[in-house]
Amino acid sequence: MDGLTVLAIVLPIVTAGLTIASFFIARSAEAKKKGHDDGELKTDISYVKRRVDDILLEQREINKMLDAHGERITRLEESTKQAHKRIDGLENRISRKPAAKE
């Protein structure tokens, strides 16, 4: 066999081998990238879950504060109503008194 014949036989075999190796290397790199992306997505989802939990806790605290403020406002309204009644009573007493003589 001469050199050209050997080259004609060996070259397609080497090319096929390199093609198969490239395929497996690319597939491995793709799987690695997909795994990295999946891990990043899971981390992001976990972060979002934690933040939602934090927001729910803050919302509960705000609701408790609003309830407390509502109770205080109700007591203040009652106290103001009683104060107005007392003021009206005092005004009635003052208006009934005869004017002072000079």
Protein backbone atom coordinates (compact mmCIF):
# COMPACT_ATOMS: atom_id res chain seq x y z
CA MET A 1 0.00 0.00 0.00
CA ASP A 2 1.18 3.39 -0.78
CA GLY A 3 0.90 6.48 1.46
CA LEU A 4 -2.18 7.84 -0.24
CA THR A 5 -4.15 4.68 0.32
CA VAL A 6 -3.22 4.57 4.00
CA LEU A 7 -4.13 8.25 4.29
CA ALA A 8 -7.44 7.64 2.56
CA ILE A 9 -8.27 4.88 5.07
CA VAL A 10 -6.95 6.52 8.25
CA LEU A 11 -8.28 10.04 7.65
CA PRO A 12 -12.03 9.12 7.72
CA ILE A 13 -11.47 6.97 10.81
CA VAL A 14 -9.71 9.84 12.64
CA THR A 15 -12.42 12.27 11.50
CA ALA A 16 -15.18 9.98 12.77
CA GLY A 17 -13.37 9.58 16.10
CA LEU A 18 -12.95 13.32 16.53
CA THR A 19 -16.60 13.89 15.61
CA ILE A 20 -17.78 11.38 18.23
CA ALA A 21 -15.43 12.87 20.85
CA SER A 22 -16.67 16.39 20.07
CA PHE A 23 -20.27 15.20 20.40
CA PHE A 24 -19.68 13.70 23.86
CA ILE A 25 -17.67 16.70 25.06
CA ALA A 26 -20.40 19.11 23.93
CA ARG A 27 -23.10 16.95 25.51
CA SER A 28 -21.18 16.91 28.80
CA ALA A 29 -20.70 20.68 28.72
CA GLU A 30 -24.39 21.17 27.92
CA ALA A 31 -25.40 18.94 30.83
CA LYS A 32 -23.06 20.86 33.13
CA LYS A 33 -24.53 24.20 32.00
CA LYS A 34 -28.07 22.86 32.41
CA GLY A 35 -27.22 21.68 35.93
CA HIS A 36 -25.77 25.08 36.77
CA ASP A 37 -28.85 26.85 35.41
CA ASP A 38 -31.16 24.50 37.33
CA GLY A 39 -29.21 25.12 40.53
CA GLU A 40 -29.36 28.87 40.00
CA LEU A 41 -33.11 28.70 39.39
CA LYS A 42 -33.66 26.65 42.55
CA THR A 43 -31.61 29.17 44.53
CA ASP A 44 -33.68 32.04 43.14
CA ILE A 45 -36.93 30.25 43.96
CA SER A 46 -35.69 29.55 47.48
CA TYR A 47 -34.83 33.24 47.91
CA VAL A 48 -38.28 34.28 46.70
CA LYS A 49 -39.93 31.84 49.14
CA ARG A 50 -37.94 33.27 52.05
CA ARG A 51 -38.83 36.83 51.08
CA VAL A 52 -42.53 35.93 50.79
CA ASP A 53 -42.38 34.39 54.28
CA ASP A 54 -40.71 37.57 55.60
CA ILE A 55 -43.37 39.72 53.97
CA LEU A 56 -46.15 37.61 55.48
CA LEU A 57 -44.61 38.01 58.95
CA GLU A 58 -44.33 41.76 58.45
CA GLN A 59 -47.95 41.87 57.28
CA ARG A 60 -49.09 40.06 60.43
CA GLU A 61 -47.22 42.57 62.58
CA ILE A 62 -48.77 45.47 60.68
CA ASN A 63 -52.24 43.94 61.11
CA LYS A 64 -51.65 43.67 64.87
CA MET A 65 -50.56 47.31 64.97
CA LEU A 66 -53.63 48.37 62.98
CA ASP A 67 -55.90 46.48 65.39
CA ALA A 68 -54.23 48.20 68.34
CA HIS A 69 -54.57 51.60 66.69
CA GLY A 70 -58.23 50.88 65.93
CA GLU A 71 -58.89 50.15 69.58
CA ARG A 72 -57.10 53.33 70.65
CA ILE A 73 -59.06 55.40 68.14
CA THR A 74 -62.33 53.94 69.43
CA ARG A 75 -61.40 54.87 73.02
CA LEU A 76 -60.37 58.36 71.91
CA GLU A 77 -63.66 58.86 70.07
CA GLU A 78 -65.58 57.82 73.19
CA SER A 79 -63.51 60.14 75.36
CA THR A 80 -63.99 63.01 72.91
CA LYS A 81 -67.75 62.42 72.86
CA GLN A 82 -67.86 62.56 76.67
CA ALA A 83 -65.73 65.72 76.69
CA HIS A 84 -68.10 67.39 74.21
CA LYS A 85 -71.07 66.50 76.41
CA ARG A 86 -69.33 68.06 79.41
CA ILE A 87 -68.45 71.18 77.41
CA ASP A 88 -72.06 71.48 76.19
CA GLY A 89 -73.25 71.20 79.80
CA LEU A 90 -70.84 73.93 80.90
CA GLU A 91 -71.96 76.18 78.03
CA ASN A 92 -75.60 75.69 79.03
CA ARG A 93 -74.80 76.58 82.65
CA ILE A 94 -72.88 79.68 81.62
CA SER A 95 -75.61 80.87 79.26
CA ARG A 96 -78.29 80.47 82.01
CA LYS A 97 -76.45 82.63 84.52
CA PRO A 98 -77.61 86.21 84.62
CA ALA A 99 -75.17 88.78 83.37
CA ALA A 100 -73.13 90.44 86.08
CA LYS A 101 -74.29 93.92 87.05
CA GLU A 102 -71.87 96.72 86.85
